Amino acid sequence: MEIHLSKILATIINFGILYLILKHYLFKPVNNAIDSRQNEIITNINKAEEDRIKAEELRKENEDKLRQAKQEGKTIVEDYKVKADKVSSDILQEARQEAEAIIERAKVEAEREKEKAADEVKTQVVDLAVLLSSKALEESVNEQQHRRLIKDFIAKVGI
């Protein structure tokens, strides 16, 4: 095996030229594509991390809003419960007052009926007294005398 310096030198030069051509046309675009892809991946990872952080913040914010809404709902329900109790109390109070008014009117009406009945009894007593007195006296008495006799009778009887 002989070593030929010219062949070795030609091979080294060919290798250098091939390396420069590959570097210019292959390595540079491939490295650019790799760098671009790496930058895109890093950007996507950063964006995904930002999105995750935003999603976490939104989740916390939504949980707070939900908690607030539940609290407001409880407050509203309690307010309406208090209002309903008040309305119920007012209705019961009004019903009691109306019942008392009805009872009072019934008492007044009963008193009127009682007085009316007493007046009727007095009238009947007066008529009976006039009838009895005219029969007892067997004489004709005028209207004034009848009235006087009735008043005396009522005064004595105490009606």
Protein backbone atom coordinates (compact mmCIF):
# COMPACT_ATOMS: atom_id res chain seq x y z
CA MET A 1 0.00 0.00 0.00
CA GLU A 2 1.45 3.16 -1.12
CA ILE A 3 0.60 6.51 0.25
CA HIS A 4 0.07 9.12 -2.37
CA LEU A 5 0.30 12.55 -1.05
CA SER A 6 -1.49 14.05 -3.98
CA LYS A 7 -4.48 11.81 -3.48
CA ILE A 8 -4.57 12.62 0.20
CA LEU A 9 -4.33 16.29 -0.53
CA ALA A 10 -7.04 16.07 -3.22
CA THR A 11 -9.25 14.13 -0.83
CA ILE A 12 -8.78 16.73 1.94
CA ILE A 13 -9.55 19.56 -0.49
CA ASN A 14 -12.60 17.68 -1.81
CA PHE A 15 -13.71 17.06 1.76
CA GLY A 16 -13.27 20.76 2.63
CA ILE A 17 -15.21 21.88 -0.46
CA LEU A 18 -17.92 19.30 0.28
CA TYR A 19 -18.04 20.51 3.88
CA LEU A 20 -18.41 24.17 2.81
CA ILE A 21 -21.12 23.28 0.27
CA LEU A 22 -22.97 21.18 2.86
CA LYS A 23 -22.52 23.87 5.48
CA HIS A 24 -23.94 26.51 3.16
CA TYR A 25 -26.77 24.52 1.58
CA LEU A 26 -27.58 21.86 4.18
CA PHE A 27 -26.33 22.67 7.68
CA LYS A 28 -27.38 26.31 7.66
CA PRO A 29 -31.04 25.67 6.58
CA VAL A 30 -31.27 22.62 8.83
CA ASN A 31 -29.86 24.61 11.78
CA ASN A 32 -32.23 27.49 10.95
CA ALA A 33 -35.17 25.05 10.80
CA ILE A 34 -34.08 23.47 14.09
CA ASP A 35 -33.63 26.90 15.73
CA SER A 36 -36.98 28.07 14.36
CA ARG A 37 -38.70 24.92 15.60
CA GLN A 38 -36.95 25.21 18.97
CA ASN A 39 -38.05 28.86 19.29
CA GLU A 40 -41.59 27.88 18.30
CA ILE A 41 -41.62 25.11 20.93
CA ILE A 42 -40.27 27.48 23.59
CA THR A 43 -42.89 30.07 22.60
CA ASN A 44 -45.63 27.45 22.77
CA ILE A 45 -44.40 26.24 26.16
CA ASN A 46 -44.31 29.83 27.47
CA LYS A 47 -47.75 30.51 26.02
CA ALA A 48 -49.08 27.29 27.51
CA GLU A 49 -47.66 28.29 30.90
CA GLU A 50 -49.23 31.76 30.59
CA ASP A 51 -52.54 30.18 29.58
CA ARG A 52 -52.32 27.78 32.53
CA ILE A 53 -51.68 30.71 34.89
CA LYS A 54 -54.58 32.67 33.36
CA ALA A 55 -56.82 29.62 33.60
CA GLU A 56 -55.88 29.18 37.25
CA GLU A 57 -56.62 32.85 37.93
CA LEU A 58 -59.97 32.58 36.11
CA ARG A 59 -60.80 29.42 38.04
CA LYS A 60 -60.07 31.18 41.34
CA GLU A 61 -62.02 34.23 40.21
CA ASN A 62 -64.97 32.04 39.18
CA GLU A 63 -64.85 30.22 42.50
CA ASP A 64 -64.91 33.57 44.30
CA LYS A 65 -67.81 34.75 42.15
CA LEU A 66 -69.66 31.50 42.79
CA ARG A 67 -69.04 31.84 46.51
CA GLN A 68 -70.29 35.44 46.39
CA ALA A 69 -73.34 34.43 44.36
CA LYS A 70 -74.17 31.69 46.88
CA GLN A 71 -73.79 34.18 49.73
CA GLU A 72 -75.95 36.73 47.93
CA GLY A 73 -78.50 34.00 47.25
CA LYS A 74 -78.58 33.10 50.94
CA THR A 75 -78.93 36.77 51.84
CA ILE A 76 -81.76 37.23 49.36
CA VAL A 77 -83.54 34.12 50.62
CA GLU A 78 -83.15 35.27 54.21
CA ASP A 79 -84.43 38.74 53.30
CA TYR A 80 -87.46 37.30 51.57
CA LYS A 81 -88.02 34.96 54.48
CA VAL A 82 -88.01 37.94 56.86
CA LYS A 83 -90.32 39.85 54.53
CA ALA A 84 -92.64 36.85 54.26
CA ASP A 85 -92.71 36.52 58.05
CA LYS A 86 -93.50 40.21 58.33
CA VAL A 87 -96.27 39.97 55.72
CA SER A 88 -97.64 36.90 57.48
CA SER A 89 -97.51 38.73 60.80
CA ASP A 90 -99.21 41.76 59.26
CA ILE A 91 -101.93 39.57 57.74
CA LEU A 92 -102.51 37.83 61.08
CA GLN A 93 -102.61 41.18 62.89
CA GLU A 94 -105.04 42.54 60.31
CA ALA A 95 -107.19 39.41 60.62
CA ARG A 96 -107.22 39.75 64.41
CA GLN A 97 -108.21 43.40 64.15
CA GLU A 98 -110.92 42.56 61.66
CA ALA A 99 -112.18 39.74 63.91
CA GLU A 100 -112.22 42.13 66.87
CA ALA A 101 -114.11 44.69 64.78
CA ILE A 102 -116.63 42.04 63.72
CA ILE A 103 -117.06 40.96 67.36
CA GLU A 104 -117.49 44.57 68.41
CA ARG A 105 -120.08 45.16 65.67
CA ALA A 106 -121.85 41.98 66.72
CA LYS A 107 -121.91 43.20 70.34
CA VAL A 108 -123.28 46.59 69.25
CA GLU A 109 -125.87 44.86 67.04
CA ALA A 110 -126.81 42.53 69.90
CA GLU A 111 -127.16 45.54 72.20
CA ARG A 112 -129.41 47.24 69.64
CA GLU A 113 -131.49 44.11 69.28
CA LYS A 114 -131.69 43.90 73.06
CA GLU A 115 -132.81 47.53 73.27
CA LYS A 116 -135.25 46.97 70.42
CA ALA A 117 -136.65 43.93 72.19
CA ALA A 118 -136.85 45.90 75.44
CA ASP A 119 -138.70 48.70 73.62
CA GLU A 120 -141.07 46.14 72.13
CA VAL A 121 -141.64 44.67 75.55
CA LYS A 122 -142.26 48.15 76.95
CA THR A 123 -144.71 48.87 74.15
CA GLN A 124 -146.51 45.61 74.75
CA VAL A 125 -146.49 46.28 78.50
CA VAL A 126 -147.87 49.76 77.90
CA ASP A 127 -150.58 48.39 75.62
CA LEU A 128 -151.40 45.70 78.13
CA ALA A 129 -151.39 48.25 80.95
CA VAL A 130 -153.73 50.50 78.97
CA LEU A 131 -156.01 47.57 78.27
CA LEU A 132 -155.96 46.47 81.87
CA SER A 133 -156.45 49.94 83.22
CA SER A 134 -159.33 50.68 80.89
CA LYS A 135 -160.98 47.42 81.82
CA ALA A 136 -160.26 48.02 85.46
CA LEU A 137 -161.70 51.46 85.44
CA GLU A 138 -164.53 50.58 83.13
CA GLU A 139 -164.64 54.02 82.08
CA SER A 140 -163.43 55.88 79.15
CA VAL A 141 -160.15 57.58 79.67
CA ASN A 142 -158.72 60.02 77.21
CA GLU A 143 -155.31 59.74 75.59
CA GLN A 144 -153.56 62.07 78.06
CA GLN A 145 -154.82 60.17 81.03
CA HIS A 146 -153.70 56.91 79.44
CA ARG A 147 -150.22 58.27 78.96
CA ARG A 148 -150.01 59.51 82.53
CA LEU A 149 -151.24 56.18 83.89
CA ILE A 150 -148.68 54.38 81.73
CA LYS A 151 -145.84 56.58 82.95
CA ASP A 152 -146.88 55.97 86.55
CA PHE A 153 -147.08 52.24 85.90
CA ILE A 154 -143.68 52.18 84.29
CA ALA A 155 -142.18 54.18 87.14
CA LYS A 156 -143.64 51.74 89.67
CA VAL A 157 -142.66 48.61 87.71
CA GLY A 158 -139.18 50.00 86.87
CA ILE A 159 -138.96 49.11 83.20
